[in-house]
């Protein structure tokens, strides 16, 4: 159904349009009748109008001025003129400016009905084109979003190297620079009562989307931090942080920790769900971002020992403090990929992995390795 406004300064003609035309038979509904161009603009602001049938010669504002004003308003409204033969030159000018058609007065019901049939088809075609264009835009935005997420995901997993992604990083508006970087993983809910309800209702994705909006909203208050987010596993959001300028590592670390504290409190307050955050180590450049990501995953797994609903930083597990062993299965997979590909990062990742396992085993593995090396010597 399309909506019509008739603009005539003749009261009798206005009543004729209301009583003699079976608008519904042609897919239209007469919404209102305006007495002049000024009245028409007021009513146009009050109603959604698809078709205006207007006299071209009116007091206060003529049909040409009305058409121009409608266009200035950004309205995509079809305009048809009612004109006398002596005013045809005005109607012709209106057609050049974008009016759809005209009807001579006195109005023939037959000609009006034919015009309405054609106008309906034209409006329907325009509507379908709009819908098609909207779907195409949504599809392109979705593809862009998927591609952006894939680039970040591959970067975190060590499947891509930042130095080779210059063009894509720029094309997909990914705000990552060649400087220090830290990865945090935010696990939402962990199957507590509230998150179970979100999952049952099929709204977990909606919750994650809202939380990502919260994260980006909070990040605007941290002028010295650059924040990128990415959906990871179910209920887990990856957060990639970098300093705006090359700050000292300790300053960046303190700022990042404060950032995750604020986010954790805000999510719990707004959505009443458990939030566990795993934070990886700071690495010197995005090429090593997978090391920070694996550290964040390792930190998150410590919830099974330390309990969840808290912030766990992998840096807590360095030094000689007593702790339980957690074997980094995911890191082993990436290490195998690096070795098979002959990637130089294999050695660095192997050393990091061994250090984490050794830390979890109270450095017993290091002592064993030292004893074996001494025996070999």
Protein backbone atom coordinates (compact mmCIF):
# COMPACT_ATOMS: atom_id res chain seq x y z
CA UNK A 1 0.00 0.00 0.00
CA UNK A 2 1.29 3.46 -0.95
CA UNK A 3 0.15 6.71 0.66
CA UNK A 4 -1.20 9.76 -1.17
CA UNK A 5 -1.60 13.44 -0.37
CA UNK A 6 -3.73 15.68 -2.62
CA UNK A 7 -2.88 19.40 -2.68
CA UNK A 8 -5.67 21.62 -4.07
CA UNK A 9 -6.91 25.09 -3.19
CA UNK A 10 -10.38 24.20 -4.50
CA UNK A 11 -12.45 22.68 -1.63
CA UNK A 12 -14.91 21.02 -4.01
CA UNK A 13 -12.09 19.35 -5.96
CA UNK A 14 -10.57 18.13 -2.69
CA UNK A 15 -13.86 16.53 -1.70
CA UNK A 16 -14.14 14.92 -5.14
CA UNK A 17 -10.76 13.20 -4.67
CA UNK A 18 -11.95 11.95 -1.28
CA UNK A 19 -15.33 10.61 -2.37
CA UNK A 20 -15.05 9.58 -6.03
CA UNK A 21 -11.72 7.79 -6.27
CA UNK A 22 -11.43 4.16 -5.11
CA UNK A 23 -7.81 4.48 -4.04
CA UNK A 24 -7.58 1.00 -2.52
CA UNK A 25 -8.39 -0.61 -5.87
CA UNK A 26 -5.07 0.69 -7.18
CA UNK A 27 -2.88 0.00 -4.13
CA UNK A 28 -3.15 3.48 -2.61
CA UNK A 29 -4.58 5.14 0.47
CA UNK A 30 -5.51 8.83 0.56
CA UNK A 31 -3.94 10.07 3.78
CA UNK A 32 -4.73 13.79 3.64
CA UNK A 33 -5.80 16.77 1.55
CA UNK A 34 -3.80 20.01 1.80
CA UNK A 35 -5.11 23.42 0.80
CA UNK A 36 -1.81 24.86 -0.47
CA UNK A 37 1.94 24.21 -0.67
CA UNK A 38 2.68 25.47 2.86
CA UNK A 39 -0.04 23.22 4.32
CA UNK A 40 1.32 20.34 2.20
CA UNK A 41 4.82 20.70 3.70
CA UNK A 42 3.41 20.65 7.24
CA UNK A 43 1.43 17.50 6.48
CA UNK A 44 4.46 15.97 4.76
CA UNK A 45 6.31 16.23 8.08
CA UNK A 46 3.45 14.46 9.83
CA UNK A 47 2.86 11.58 7.41
CA UNK A 48 4.79 9.15 5.24
CA UNK A 49 3.73 10.16 1.71
CA UNK A 50 4.66 8.22 -1.42
CA UNK A 51 2.63 10.21 -3.97
CA UNK A 52 1.63 13.88 -4.07
CA UNK A 53 -1.06 14.97 -6.53
CA UNK A 54 -0.84 18.74 -6.55
CA UNK A 55 -2.21 21.69 -8.45
CA UNK A 56 0.65 23.44 -10.17
CA UNK A 57 -0.77 26.95 -9.87
CA UNK A 58 -1.53 27.76 -6.22
CA UNK A 59 -1.26 30.77 -3.90
CA UNK A 60 1.57 31.04 -1.30
CA UNK A 61 3.63 28.23 -2.88
CA UNK A 62 3.12 26.83 -6.36
CA UNK A 63 3.66 23.25 -7.46
CA UNK A 64 7.18 23.90 -8.79
CA UNK A 65 8.29 25.39 -5.45
CA UNK A 66 6.64 22.50 -3.61
CA UNK A 67 8.55 19.97 -5.74
CA UNK A 68 11.87 21.75 -5.13
CA UNK A 69 11.24 21.92 -1.39
CA UNK A 70 10.31 18.22 -1.24
CA UNK A 71 13.63 17.43 -2.93
CA UNK A 72 15.50 19.73 -0.52
CA UNK A 73 13.92 17.81 2.36
CA UNK A 74 15.47 14.67 0.91
CA UNK A 75 12.07 13.08 0.39
CA UNK A 76 11.79 10.49 -2.35
CA UNK A 77 8.15 11.38 -3.00
CA UNK A 78 6.52 11.07 -6.43
CA UNK A 79 4.82 14.27 -7.62
CA UNK A 80 1.97 14.50 -10.17
CA UNK A 81 0.63 17.88 -11.29
CA UNK A 82 -2.94 19.00 -11.89
CA UNK A 83 -2.88 21.70 -14.55
CA UNK A 84 -5.05 23.67 -16.95
CA UNK A 85 -4.08 23.74 -20.62
CA UNK A 86 -2.88 27.33 -20.32
CA UNK A 87 -0.51 26.28 -17.51
CA UNK A 88 1.01 23.37 -19.42
CA UNK A 89 4.36 25.17 -19.81
CA UNK A 90 4.65 25.12 -15.99
CA UNK A 91 3.87 21.40 -15.94
CA UNK A 92 6.49 20.74 -18.62
CA UNK A 93 9.05 22.63 -16.52
CA UNK A 94 8.01 20.52 -13.51
CA UNK A 95 8.58 17.31 -15.48
CA UNK A 96 12.09 18.49 -16.35
CA UNK A 97 12.71 19.07 -12.63
CA UNK A 98 11.65 15.53 -11.75
CA UNK A 99 7.85 15.41 -11.50
CA UNK A 100 6.42 12.02 -12.50
CA UNK A 101 3.46 13.10 -14.68
CA UNK A 102 0.56 15.54 -14.99
CA UNK A 103 -3.23 15.48 -15.36
CA UNK A 104 -5.26 18.09 -17.14
CA UNK A 105 -8.21 19.76 -15.39
CA UNK A 106 -11.02 19.00 -15.27
CA UNK A 107 -9.77 15.62 -14.07
CA UNK A 108 -10.95 12.56 -15.98
CA UNK A 109 -11.52 9.62 -13.63
CA UNK A 110 -10.39 7.26 -16.37
CA UNK A 111 -7.11 9.10 -16.91
CA UNK A 112 -6.57 9.34 -13.16
CA UNK A 113 -7.08 5.58 -12.76
CA UNK A 114 -4.63 4.84 -15.57
CA UNK A 115 -2.10 7.17 -13.99
CA UNK A 116 -2.54 5.47 -10.60
CA UNK A 117 -1.91 2.05 -12.19
CA UNK A 118 1.32 3.30 -13.76
CA UNK A 119 2.36 5.17 -10.62
CA UNK A 120 1.82 2.04 -8.52
CA UNK A 121 4.09 -0.01 -10.82
CA UNK A 122 6.75 2.72 -10.77
CA UNK A 123 6.61 3.00 -6.96
CA UNK A 124 6.71 -0.79 -6.60
CA UNK A 125 9.78 -0.99 -8.84
CA UNK A 126 11.47 1.78 -6.86
CA UNK A 127 10.63 -0.02 -3.59
CA UNK A 128 12.09 -3.31 -4.84
CA UNK A 129 15.25 -1.53 -5.99
CA UNK A 130 15.60 0.06 -2.54
CA UNK A 131 15.18 -3.30 -0.81
CA UNK A 132 17.66 -4.91 -3.18
CA UNK A 133 20.14 -2.09 -2.59
CA UNK A 134 19.67 -2.37 1.17
CA UNK A 135 20.26 -6.15 1.12
CA UNK A 136 23.34 -5.65 -1.03
CA UNK A 137 24.73 -3.07 1.40
CA UNK A 138 24.01 -5.38 4.35
CA UNK A 139 25.69 -8.27 2.53
CA UNK A 140 28.76 -6.16 1.74
CA UNK A 141 28.93 -4.95 5.35
CA UNK A 142 28.58 -8.54 6.58
CA UNK A 143 31.34 -9.74 4.23
CA UNK A 144 33.52 -6.85 5.34
CA UNK A 145 32.85 -7.74 8.98
CA UNK A 146 33.60 -11.44 8.38
CA UNK A 147 36.80 -10.61 6.49
CA UNK A 148 37.91 -8.23 9.23
CA UNK A 149 37.25 -10.84 11.93
CA UNK A 150 39.10 -13.48 9.90
CA UNK A 151 42.16 -11.29 9.49
CA UNK A 152 42.31 -10.61 13.23
CA UNK A 153 41.63 -14.26 14.05
CA UNK A 154 44.40 -15.50 11.75
CA UNK A 155 46.77 -12.91 13.17
CA UNK A 156 46.06 -14.03 16.75
CA UNK A 157 46.46 -17.68 15.83
CA UNK A 158 49.82 -17.02 14.19
CA UNK A 159 48.54 -18.00 10.74
CA UNK A 160 49.36 -14.57 9.34
CA UNK A 161 52.24 -12.18 9.97
CA UNK A 162 51.42 -8.52 10.53
CA UNK A 163 54.22 -7.33 8.27
CA UNK A 164 52.56 -9.09 5.30
CA UNK A 165 49.08 -7.67 5.97
CA UNK A 166 49.71 -3.97 5.35
CA UNK A 167 47.18 -3.59 2.53
CA UNK A 168 44.44 -5.64 4.21
CA UNK A 169 44.95 -3.93 7.57
CA UNK A 170 44.34 -0.60 5.85
CA UNK A 171 41.51 -1.83 3.59
CA UNK A 172 39.47 -3.29 6.43
CA UNK A 173 40.06 -0.36 8.79
CA UNK A 174 41.88 -2.47 11.41
CA UNK A 175 43.55 -0.10 13.85
CA UNK A 176 46.76 -2.02 14.61
CA UNK A 177 50.20 -0.39 14.41
CA UNK A 178 53.74 -1.73 14.50
CA UNK A 179 54.29 -1.29 18.26
CA UNK A 180 53.75 -3.06 21.59
CA UNK A 181 50.61 -5.15 21.83
CA UNK A 182 48.72 -7.10 24.48
CA UNK A 183 45.84 -9.57 24.12
CA UNK A 184 43.10 -10.18 26.67
CA UNK A 185 40.28 -12.74 26.52
CA UNK A 186 36.98 -11.91 28.18
CA UNK A 187 34.84 -14.94 28.96
CA UNK A 188 31.23 -14.01 29.59
CA UNK A 189 29.04 -16.16 31.81
CA UNK A 190 30.83 -19.50 31.86
CA UNK A 191 27.39 -21.18 32.02
CA UNK A 192 26.15 -19.44 35.14
CA UNK A 193 22.36 -19.13 35.57
CA UNK A 194 22.09 -15.81 33.75
CA UNK A 195 24.19 -16.81 30.75
CA UNK A 196 22.29 -20.12 30.47
CA UNK A 197 19.10 -18.12 30.03
CA UNK A 198 20.75 -16.04 27.30
CA UNK A 199 21.83 -19.26 25.55
CA UNK A 200 18.39 -20.92 25.88
CA UNK A 201 16.67 -17.85 24.46
CA UNK A 202 19.12 -17.77 21.55
CA UNK A 203 20.28 -14.29 22.53
CA UNK A 204 23.88 -15.02 23.48
CA UNK A 205 25.06 -13.38 20.24
CA UNK A 206 23.04 -10.29 21.13
CA UNK A 207 24.68 -10.19 24.57
CA UNK A 208 28.17 -10.49 23.09
CA UNK A 209 27.38 -7.70 20.61
CA UNK A 210 26.22 -5.43 23.44
CA UNK A 211 29.32 -6.21 25.49
CA UNK A 212 31.58 -5.40 22.54
CA UNK A 213 29.77 -2.06 22.32
CA UNK A 214 30.43 -1.53 26.04
CA UNK A 215 34.14 -2.32 25.53
CA UNK A 216 34.47 0.18 22.67
CA UNK A 217 32.50 2.79 24.59
CA UNK A 218 34.84 2.45 27.59
CA UNK A 219 37.90 2.51 25.33
CA UNK A 220 36.95 6.03 24.21
CA UNK A 221 37.75 7.17 27.75
CA UNK A 222 41.27 5.74 27.45
CA UNK A 223 42.86 8.19 25.05
CA UNK A 224 46.25 6.46 25.32
CA UNK A 225 44.92 3.04 24.25
CA UNK A 226 43.95 1.59 20.87
CA UNK A 227 41.35 -1.17 21.17
CA UNK A 228 40.26 -3.84 18.66
CA UNK A 229 37.79 -6.59 19.54
CA UNK A 230 36.98 -9.94 17.93
CA UNK A 231 34.52 -12.77 18.62
CA UNK A 232 36.47 -15.89 19.58
CA UNK A 233 34.98 -19.10 20.94
CA UNK A 234 31.38 -19.18 22.25
CA UNK A 235 31.01 -16.45 24.88
CA UNK A 236 34.62 -15.25 24.55
CA UNK A 237 35.65 -11.84 23.23
CA UNK A 238 39.23 -11.16 22.21
CA UNK A 239 40.58 -7.69 23.04
CA UNK A 240 43.73 -6.39 21.35
CA UNK A 241 45.29 -3.38 23.06
CA UNK A 242 48.11 -1.11 21.96
CA UNK A 243 49.45 2.19 23.30
CA UNK A 244 48.73 5.24 21.14
CA UNK A 245 52.35 6.26 21.53
CA UNK A 246 55.40 4.18 22.37
CA UNK A 247 55.14 4.33 26.15
CA UNK A 248 57.19 2.44 28.71
CA UNK A 249 56.05 -1.16 29.02
CA UNK A 250 55.14 -0.76 32.72
CA UNK A 251 52.91 2.22 31.99
CA UNK A 252 51.16 0.32 29.16
CA UNK A 253 50.72 -2.72 31.42
CA UNK A 254 49.19 -0.66 34.26
CA UNK A 255 46.85 1.13 31.86
CA UNK A 256 45.75 -2.17 30.27
CA UNK A 257 45.09 -3.78 33.67
CA UNK A 258 42.99 -0.79 34.72
CA UNK A 259 41.09 -1.00 31.42
CA UNK A 260 40.17 -4.66 31.97
CA UNK A 261 39.18 -3.94 35.60
CA UNK A 262 36.74 -1.24 34.46
CA UNK A 263 35.32 -3.45 31.70
CA UNK A 264 34.83 -6.40 34.07
CA UNK A 265 32.96 -4.28 36.62
CA UNK A 266 30.81 -2.61 33.95
CA UNK A 267 29.74 -5.93 32.37
CA UNK A 268 28.88 -7.45 35.76
CA UNK A 269 26.92 -4.35 36.74
CA UNK A 270 24.97 -4.04 33.48
CA UNK A 271 24.30 -7.69 32.65
CA UNK A 272 24.63 -9.57 35.96
CA UNK A 273 26.87 -12.29 34.49
CA UNK A 274 30.17 -13.79 35.61
CA UNK A 275 33.19 -12.37 33.82
CA UNK A 276 36.59 -14.03 33.73
CA UNK A 277 39.44 -12.22 32.00
CA UNK A 278 42.70 -13.83 30.89
CA UNK A 279 45.51 -11.41 30.04
CA UNK A 280 48.61 -12.36 28.07
CA UNK A 281 52.07 -10.85 28.21
CA UNK A 282 52.98 -7.69 26.35
CA UNK A 283 54.93 -8.41 23.16
CA UNK A 284 57.08 -5.89 21.33
CA UNK A 285 55.29 -6.00 17.95
CA UNK A 286 52.19 -7.46 16.21
CA UNK A 287 54.28 -10.14 14.52
CA UNK A 288 54.47 -11.81 17.96
CA UNK A 289 50.82 -11.20 18.84
CA UNK A 290 50.08 -14.95 18.85
CA UNK A 291 52.40 -15.30 21.87
CA UNK A 292 50.31 -12.80 23.83
CA UNK A 293 47.14 -14.54 22.67
CA UNK A 294 48.37 -17.95 23.81
CA UNK A 295 49.39 -16.40 27.13
CA UNK A 296 45.86 -15.02 27.52
CA UNK A 297 44.41 -18.48 26.79
CA UNK A 298 46.76 -20.03 29.33
CA UNK A 299 45.77 -17.41 31.92
CA UNK A 300 42.09 -18.07 31.26
CA UNK A 301 42.58 -21.83 31.83
CA UNK A 302 43.92 -21.08 35.31
CA UNK A 303 40.31 -20.38 36.33
CA UNK A 304 40.03 -24.13 36.93
CA UNK A 305 42.56 -23.73 39.73
CA UNK A 306 42.04 -20.16 40.94
CA UNK A 307 38.30 -19.95 40.30
CA UNK A 308 36.55 -17.82 37.73
CA UNK A 309 34.78 -14.45 37.80
CA UNK A 310 38.08 -12.60 38.17
CA UNK A 311 40.97 -11.16 36.19
CA UNK A 312 43.90 -13.55 35.71
CA UNK A 313 47.15 -12.19 34.29
CA UNK A 314 49.69 -14.64 32.90
CA UNK A 315 52.42 -12.48 34.45
CA UNK A 316 51.21 -13.76 37.84
CA UNK A 317 52.75 -17.11 36.94
CA UNK A 318 56.32 -15.99 36.37
CA UNK A 319 59.01 -16.32 39.00
CA UNK A 320 59.35 -19.04 41.61
CA UNK A 321 55.90 -19.00 43.19
CA UNK A 322 54.30 -22.39 43.70
CA UNK A 323 51.62 -23.23 41.11
CA UNK A 324 49.89 -26.11 39.34
CA UNK A 325 50.85 -27.39 35.91
CA UNK A 326 48.58 -26.54 32.98
CA UNK A 327 49.70 -27.98 29.66
CA UNK A 328 49.26 -25.52 26.72
CA UNK A 329 47.64 -27.82 24.15
CA UNK A 330 46.80 -25.03 21.69
CA UNK A 331 50.33 -23.71 21.78
CA UNK A 332 51.64 -27.17 20.98
CA UNK A 333 49.51 -27.23 17.81
CA UNK A 334 50.88 -23.88 16.63
CA UNK A 335 54.42 -24.97 17.52
CA UNK A 336 53.98 -28.07 15.34
CA UNK A 337 52.73 -25.88 12.47
CA UNK A 338 55.76 -23.58 12.82
CA UNK A 339 58.18 -26.51 12.85
CA UNK A 340 56.59 -28.16 9.80
CA UNK A 341 56.73 -24.85 7.93
CA UNK A 342 60.31 -24.14 8.97
CA UNK A 343 59.16 -20.88 10.60
CA UNK A 344 61.81 -19.06 12.67
CA UNK A 345 59.18 -18.30 15.32
CA UNK A 346 59.20 -21.99 16.35
CA UNK A 347 62.26 -21.55 18.57
CA UNK A 348 60.83 -18.53 20.39
CA UNK A 349 57.47 -20.22 20.87
CA UNK A 350 59.16 -23.43 22.11
CA UNK A 351 61.15 -21.47 24.69
CA UNK A 352 58.02 -19.66 25.87
CA UNK A 353 56.05 -22.90 26.06
CA UNK A 354 58.78 -24.64 28.03
CA UNK A 355 59.02 -21.68 30.43
CA UNK A 356 55.26 -21.75 31.07
CA UNK A 357 55.23 -25.52 31.63
CA UNK A 358 58.27 -25.21 33.88
CA UNK A 359 56.57 -22.42 35.82
CA UNK A 360 53.52 -24.59 36.28
CA UNK A 361 55.70 -27.45 37.52
CA UNK A 362 57.58 -25.29 40.05
CA UNK A 363 60.62 -25.27 37.71
CA UNK A 364 61.15 -29.03 38.13
CA UNK A 365 61.34 -29.41 34.33
CA UNK A 366 64.14 -26.87 34.12
CA UNK A 367 66.09 -28.71 36.78
CA UNK A 368 65.51 -32.02 34.94
CA UNK A 369 66.64 -30.47 31.66
CA UNK A 370 69.78 -29.12 33.36
CA UNK A 371 70.61 -32.54 34.88
CA UNK A 372 70.22 -34.27 31.47
CA UNK A 373 72.41 -31.64 29.84
CA UNK A 374 75.07 -32.14 32.54
CA UNK A 375 75.02 -35.93 32.03
CA UNK A 376 75.38 -35.50 28.26
CA UNK A 377 78.37 -33.26 28.81
